[in-house]
Amino acid sequence: MNFKNAFVTHKRFGSGTVQSLDGKALTICFQQYGARTFRFPDIFQTELKTEDPVFARYVAEALLVKE
């Protein structure tokens, strides 16, 4: 699935947009901090959230599979 430009919020870096999701690598572009890459879906357990309902459902399913 393509989630490019989905909005996310990071506890430290603030608001950003998804640039790519490649397997377990999630790259997000933050206005003040530039692009950062995180381990997907792990980062959503502690530091990151999304308001995009489709992306949120995808994240939730990925976290369930991980358990």
PDB file of N, CA and C in Angstrom:
ATOM      1  N   MET A   1       0.832  -1.186   0.000  1.00  0.00           N
ATOM      2  CA  MET A   1       0.000   0.000   0.000  1.00  0.00           C
ATOM      3  C   MET A   1       0.873   1.245   0.000  1.00  0.00           C
ATOM      4  N   ASN A   2       0.346   2.293  -0.543  1.00  0.00           N
ATOM      5  CA  ASN A   2       1.085   3.547  -0.624  1.00  0.00           C
ATOM      6  C   ASN A   2       0.542   4.538   0.402  1.00  0.00           C
ATOM      7  N   PHE A   3       1.356   4.847   1.388  1.00  0.00           N
ATOM      8  CA  PHE A   3       0.959   5.791   2.426  1.00  0.00           C
ATOM      9  C   PHE A   3       1.755   7.091   2.338  1.00  0.00           C
ATOM     10  N   LYS A   4       2.378   7.319   1.202  1.00  0.00           N
ATOM     11  CA  LYS A   4       3.164   8.536   1.027  1.00  0.00           C
ATOM     12  C   LYS A   4       2.284   9.760   1.306  1.00  0.00           C
ATOM     13  N   ASN A   5       2.829  10.685   2.057  1.00  0.00           N
ATOM     14  CA  ASN A   5       2.187  11.941   2.449  1.00  0.00           C
ATOM     15  C   ASN A   5       1.153  11.783   3.559  1.00  0.00           C
ATOM     16  N   ALA A   6       1.028  10.597   4.157  1.00  0.00           N
ATOM     17  CA  ALA A   6       0.161  10.449   5.329  1.00  0.00           C
ATOM     18  C   ALA A   6       0.771  11.265   6.469  1.00  0.00           C
ATOM     19  N   PHE A   7      -0.067  11.943   7.216  1.00  0.00           N
ATOM     20  CA  PHE A   7       0.409  12.774   8.315  1.00  0.00           C
ATOM     21  C   PHE A   7       0.610  11.942   9.576  1.00  0.00           C
ATOM     22  N   VAL A   8       1.718  12.212  10.262  1.00  0.00           N
ATOM     23  CA  VAL A   8       2.040  11.552  11.519  1.00  0.00           C
ATOM     24  C   VAL A   8       2.549  12.594  12.508  1.00  0.00           C
ATOM     25  N   THR A   9       2.535  12.218  13.787  1.00  0.00           N
ATOM     26  CA  THR A   9       3.074  13.093  14.827  1.00  0.00           C
ATOM     27  C   THR A   9       4.018  12.291  15.702  1.00  0.00           C
ATOM     28  N   HIS A  10       5.230  12.793  15.847  1.00  0.00           N
ATOM     29  CA  HIS A  10       6.262  12.161  16.657  1.00  0.00           C
ATOM     30  C   HIS A  10       6.397  12.946  17.959  1.00  0.00           C
ATOM     31  N   LYS A  11       6.621  12.255  19.066  1.00  0.00           N
ATOM     32  CA  LYS A  11       6.731  12.922  20.369  1.00  0.00           C
ATOM     33  C   LYS A  11       7.835  13.975  20.408  1.00  0.00           C
ATOM     34  N   ARG A  12       8.947  13.713  19.755  1.00  0.00           N
ATOM     35  CA  ARG A  12      10.087  14.644  19.792  1.00  0.00           C
ATOM     36  C   ARG A  12      10.154  15.563  18.580  1.00  0.00           C
ATOM     37  N   PHE A  13       9.920  15.017  17.387  1.00  0.00           N
ATOM     38  CA  PHE A  13      10.112  15.766  16.147  1.00  0.00           C
ATOM     39  C   PHE A  13       8.869  16.514  15.669  1.00  0.00           C
ATOM     40  N   GLY A  14       7.721  16.232  16.261  1.00  0.00           N
ATOM     41  CA  GLY A  14       6.485  16.933  15.883  1.00  0.00           C
ATOM     42  C   GLY A  14       5.834  16.335  14.645  1.00  0.00           C
ATOM     43  N   SER A  15       5.139  17.177  13.891  1.00  0.00           N
ATOM     44  CA  SER A  15       4.390  16.727  12.721  1.00  0.00           C
ATOM     45  C   SER A  15       5.303  16.444  11.541  1.00  0.00           C
ATOM     46  N   GLY A  16       4.899  15.427  10.771  1.00  0.00           N
ATOM     47  CA  GLY A  16       5.662  15.073   9.582  1.00  0.00           C
ATOM     48  C   GLY A  16       4.785  14.313   8.608  1.00  0.00           C
ATOM     49  N   THR A  17       5.360  14.004   7.455  1.00  0.00           N
ATOM     50  CA  THR A  17       4.646  13.236   6.442  1.00  0.00           C
ATOM     51  C   THR A  17       5.470  12.015   6.049  1.00  0.00           C
ATOM     52  N   VAL A  18       4.771  10.931   5.802  1.00  0.00           N
ATOM     53  CA  VAL A  18       5.425   9.702   5.380  1.00  0.00           C
ATOM     54  C   VAL A  18       6.010   9.914   3.988  1.00  0.00           C
ATOM     55  N   GLN A  19       7.268   9.568   3.831  1.00  0.00           N
ATOM     56  CA  GLN A  19       7.924   9.624   2.528  1.00  0.00           C
ATOM     57  C   GLN A  19       7.981   8.249   1.890  1.00  0.00           C
ATOM     58  N   SER A  20       8.201   7.213   2.724  1.00  0.00           N
ATOM     59  CA  SER A  20       8.219   5.848   2.191  1.00  0.00           C
ATOM     60  C   SER A  20       8.051   4.851   3.327  1.00  0.00           C
ATOM     61  N   LEU A  21       7.533   3.698   2.954  1.00  0.00           N
ATOM     62  CA  LEU A  21       7.410   2.570   3.864  1.00  0.00           C
ATOM     63  C   LEU A  21       7.878   1.363   3.076  1.00  0.00           C
ATOM     64  N   ASP A  22       9.066   0.881   3.442  1.00  0.00           N
ATOM     65  CA  ASP A  22       9.686  -0.221   2.712  1.00  0.00           C
ATOM     66  C   ASP A  22       9.976  -1.349   3.696  1.00  0.00           C
ATOM     67  N   GLY A  23       9.054  -2.287   3.779  1.00  0.00           N
ATOM     68  CA  GLY A  23       9.230  -3.376   4.733  1.00  0.00           C
ATOM     69  C   GLY A  23       9.169  -2.861   6.147  1.00  0.00           C
ATOM     70  N   LYS A  24      10.285  -2.908   6.831  1.00  0.00           N
ATOM     71  CA  LYS A  24      10.332  -2.447   8.215  1.00  0.00           C
ATOM     72  C   LYS A  24      10.958  -1.059   8.359  1.00  0.00           C
ATOM     73  N   ALA A  25      11.198  -0.376   7.260  1.00  0.00           N
ATOM     74  CA  ALA A  25      11.792   0.962   7.289  1.00  0.00           C
ATOM     75  C   ALA A  25      10.745   2.002   6.905  1.00  0.00           C
ATOM     76  N   LEU A  26      10.430   2.888   7.845  1.00  0.00           N
ATOM     77  CA  LEU A  26       9.472   3.963   7.634  1.00  0.00           C
ATOM     78  C   LEU A  26      10.239   5.280   7.639  1.00  0.00           C
ATOM     79  N   THR A  27      10.210   6.003   6.517  1.00  0.00           N
ATOM     80  CA  THR A  27      10.903   7.283   6.432  1.00  0.00           C
ATOM     81  C   THR A  27       9.876   8.401   6.469  1.00  0.00           C
ATOM     82  N   ILE A  28      10.121   9.349   7.367  1.00  0.00           N
ATOM     83  CA  ILE A  28       9.221  10.482   7.567  1.00  0.00           C
ATOM     84  C   ILE A  28      10.007  11.762   7.412  1.00  0.00           C
ATOM     85  N   CYS A  29       9.393  12.741   6.754  1.00  0.00           N
ATOM     86  CA  CYS A  29      10.013  14.049   6.598  1.00  0.00           C
ATOM     87  C   CYS A  29       9.380  15.014   7.589  1.00  0.00           C
ATOM     88  N   PHE A  30      10.222  15.582   8.454  1.00  0.00           N
ATOM     89  CA  PHE A  30       9.791  16.573   9.430  1.00  0.00           C
ATOM     90  C   PHE A  30      10.289  17.942   8.985  1.00  0.00           C
ATOM     91  N   GLN A  31       9.455  18.945   9.115  1.00  0.00           N
ATOM     92  CA  GLN A  31       9.801  20.266   8.610  1.00  0.00           C
ATOM     93  C   GLN A  31      11.086  20.810   9.231  1.00  0.00           C
ATOM     94  N   GLN A  32      11.237  20.689  10.527  1.00  0.00           N
ATOM     95  CA  GLN A  32      12.418  21.242  11.190  1.00  0.00           C
ATOM     96  C   GLN A  32      13.602  20.282  11.253  1.00  0.00           C
ATOM     97  N   TYR A  33      13.354  18.988  11.100  1.00  0.00           N
ATOM     98  CA  TYR A  33      14.413  18.003  11.323  1.00  0.00           C
ATOM     99  C   TYR A  33      14.794  17.200  10.088  1.00  0.00           C
ATOM    100  N   GLY A  34      14.089  17.411   8.992  1.00  0.00           N
ATOM    101  CA  GLY A  34      14.390  16.666   7.773  1.00  0.00           C
ATOM    102  C   GLY A  34      13.884  15.235   7.837  1.00  0.00           C
ATOM    103  N   ALA A  35      14.416  14.399   6.987  1.00  0.00           N
ATOM    104  CA  ALA A  35      13.974  13.004   6.895  1.00  0.00           C
ATOM    105  C   ALA A  35      14.613  12.160   7.988  1.00  0.00           C
ATOM    106  N   ARG A  36      13.791  11.329   8.583  1.00  0.00           N
ATOM    107  CA  ARG A  36      14.248  10.387   9.613  1.00  0.00           C
ATOM    108  C   ARG A  36      13.643   9.027   9.287  1.00  0.00           C
ATOM    109  N   THR A  37      14.412   7.971   9.531  1.00  0.00           N
ATOM    110  CA  THR A  37      13.939   6.622   9.261  1.00  0.00           C
ATOM    111  C   THR A  37      13.777   5.876  10.581  1.00  0.00           C
ATOM    112  N   PHE A  38      12.653   5.176  10.707  1.00  0.00           N
ATOM    113  CA  PHE A  38      12.317   4.447  11.927  1.00  0.00           C
ATOM    114  C   PHE A  38      11.963   3.004  11.588  1.00  0.00           C
ATOM    115  N   ARG A  39      12.021   2.151  12.591  1.00  0.00           N
ATOM    116  CA  ARG A  39      11.641   0.751  12.427  1.00  0.00           C
ATOM    117  C   ARG A  39      10.114   0.655  12.502  1.00  0.00           C
ATOM    118  N   PHE A  40       9.517   0.078  11.472  1.00  0.00           N
ATOM    119  CA  PHE A  40       8.069  -0.078  11.392  1.00  0.00           C
ATOM    120  C   PHE A  40       7.698  -1.510  11.754  1.00  0.00           C
ATOM    121  N   PRO A  41       6.667  -1.739  12.525  1.00  0.00           N
ATOM    122  CA  PRO A  41       5.717  -0.805  13.113  1.00  0.00           C
ATOM    123  C   PRO A  41       6.093  -0.381  14.535  1.00  0.00           C
ATOM    124  N   ASP A  42       7.261  -0.825  15.021  1.00  0.00           N
ATOM    125  CA  ASP A  42       7.663  -0.618  16.411  1.00  0.00           C
ATOM    126  C   ASP A  42       7.520   0.827  16.895  1.00  0.00           C
ATOM    127  N   ILE A  43       7.877   1.781  16.077  1.00  0.00           N
ATOM    128  CA  ILE A  43       7.875   3.185  16.478  1.00  0.00           C
ATOM    129  C   ILE A  43       6.478   3.653  16.907  1.00  0.00           C
ATOM    130  N   PHE A  44       5.444   3.005  16.400  1.00  0.00           N
ATOM    131  CA  PHE A  44       4.075   3.403  16.747  1.00  0.00           C
ATOM    132  C   PHE A  44       3.674   2.951  18.153  1.00  0.00           C
ATOM    133  N   GLN A  45       4.444   2.085  18.760  1.00  0.00           N
ATOM    134  CA  GLN A  45       4.139   1.644  20.116  1.00  0.00           C
ATOM    135  C   GLN A  45       4.488   2.708  21.146  1.00  0.00           C
ATOM    136  N   THR A  46       5.438   3.585  20.823  1.00  0.00           N
ATOM    137  CA  THR A  46       5.907   4.527  21.842  1.00  0.00           C
ATOM    138  C   THR A  46       6.003   5.980  21.388  1.00  0.00           C
ATOM    139  N   GLU A  47       6.425   6.238  20.167  1.00  0.00           N
ATOM    140  CA  GLU A  47       6.800   7.592  19.784  1.00  0.00           C
ATOM    141  C   GLU A  47       5.949   8.247  18.699  1.00  0.00           C
ATOM    142  N   LEU A  48       5.219   7.468  17.939  1.00  0.00           N
ATOM    143  CA  LEU A  48       4.577   7.999  16.737  1.00  0.00           C
ATOM    144  C   LEU A  48       3.091   7.659  16.722  1.00  0.00           C
ATOM    145  N   LYS A  49       2.298   8.566  16.154  1.00  0.00           N
ATOM    146  CA  LYS A  49       0.879   8.283  15.951  1.00  0.00           C
ATOM    147  C   LYS A  49       0.431   8.919  14.639  1.00  0.00           C
ATOM    148  N   THR A  50      -0.695   8.442  14.136  1.00  0.00           N
ATOM    149  CA  THR A  50      -1.254   8.993  12.911  1.00  0.00           C
ATOM    150  C   THR A  50      -2.747   9.198  13.077  1.00  0.00           C
ATOM    151  N   GLU A  51      -3.255  10.229  12.443  1.00  0.00           N
ATOM    152  CA  GLU A  51      -4.690  10.498  12.443  1.00  0.00           C
ATOM    153  C   GLU A  51      -5.345   9.946  11.182  1.00  0.00           C
ATOM    154  N   ASP A  52      -4.542   9.516  10.216  1.00  0.00           N
ATOM    155  CA  ASP A  52      -5.067   8.969   8.965  1.00  0.00           C
ATOM    156  C   ASP A  52      -5.716   7.616   9.266  1.00  0.00           C
ATOM    157  N   PRO A  53      -7.038   7.475   9.078  1.00  0.00           N
ATOM    158  CA  PRO A  53      -7.715   6.236   9.478  1.00  0.00           C
ATOM    159  C   PRO A  53      -7.248   4.992   8.735  1.00  0.00           C
ATOM    160  N   VAL A  54      -6.945   5.103   7.475  1.00  0.00           N
ATOM    161  CA  VAL A  54      -6.500   3.941   6.704  1.00  0.00           C
ATOM    162  C   VAL A  54      -5.100   3.518   7.155  1.00  0.00           C
ATOM    163  N   PHE A  55      -4.212   4.484   7.319  1.00  0.00           N
ATOM    164  CA  PHE A  55      -2.862   4.180   7.778  1.00  0.00           C
ATOM    165  C   PHE A  55      -2.894   3.646   9.210  1.00  0.00           C
ATOM    166  N   ALA A  56      -3.741   4.232  10.065  1.00  0.00           N
ATOM    167  CA  ALA A  56      -3.860   3.781  11.453  1.00  0.00           C
ATOM    168  C   ALA A  56      -4.299   2.324  11.512  1.00  0.00           C
ATOM    169  N   ARG A  57      -5.232   1.928  10.665  1.00  0.00           N
ATOM    170  CA  ARG A  57      -5.690   0.536  10.622  1.00  0.00           C
ATOM    171  C   ARG A  57      -4.552  -0.384  10.172  1.00  0.00           C
ATOM    172  N   TYR A  58      -3.774   0.056   9.170  1.00  0.00           N
ATOM    173  CA  TYR A  58      -2.642  -0.722   8.680  1.00  0.00           C
ATOM    174  C   TYR A  58      -1.603  -0.908   9.791  1.00  0.00           C
ATOM    175  N   VAL A  59      -1.334   0.163  10.532  1.00  0.00           N
ATOM    176  CA  VAL A  59      -0.378   0.098  11.648  1.00  0.00           C
ATOM    177  C   VAL A  59      -0.877  -0.866  12.713  1.00  0.00           C
ATOM    178  N   ALA A  60      -2.151  -0.751  13.077  1.00  0.00           N
ATOM    179  CA  ALA A  60      -2.726  -1.619  14.108  1.00  0.00           C
ATOM    180  C   ALA A  60      -2.614  -3.090  13.693  1.00  0.00           C
ATOM    181  N   GLU A  61      -2.913  -3.386  12.449  1.00  0.00           N
ATOM    182  CA  GLU A  61      -2.811  -4.760  11.968  1.00  0.00           C
ATOM    183  C   GLU A  61      -1.358  -5.249  11.986  1.00  0.00           C
ATOM    184  N   ALA A  62      -0.435  -4.371  11.623  1.00  0.00           N
ATOM    185  CA  ALA A  62       0.988  -4.741  11.622  1.00  0.00           C
ATOM    186  C   ALA A  62       1.462  -5.015  13.054  1.00  0.00           C
ATOM    187  N   LEU A  63       0.976  -4.241  14.016  1.00  0.00           N
ATOM    188  CA  LEU A  63       1.355  -4.460  15.400  1.00  0.00           C
ATOM    189  C   LEU A  63       0.765  -5.772  15.921  1.00  0.00           C
ATOM    190  N   LEU A  64      -0.437  -6.116  15.520  1.00  0.00           N
ATOM    191  CA  LEU A  64      -1.045  -7.385  15.943  1.00  0.00           C
ATOM    192  C   LEU A  64      -0.269  -8.571  15.385  1.00  0.00           C
ATOM    193  N   VAL A  65       0.134  -8.494  14.140  1.00  0.00           N
ATOM    194  CA  VAL A  65       0.902  -9.574  13.518  1.00  0.00           C
ATOM    195  C   VAL A  65       2.239  -9.738  14.217  1.00  0.00           C
ATOM    196  N   LYS A  66       2.827  -8.622  14.625  1.00  0.00           N
ATOM    197  CA  LYS A  66       4.128  -8.642  15.298  1.00  0.00           C
ATOM    198  C   LYS A  66       4.049  -9.390  16.627  1.00  0.00           C
ATOM    199  N   GLU A  67       2.940  -9.252  17.322  1.00  0.00           N
ATOM    200  CA  GLU A  67       2.780  -9.914  18.628  1.00  0.00           C
ATOM    201  C   GLU A  67       2.645 -11.383  18.394  1.00  0.00           C
TER     202      GLU A  67
END
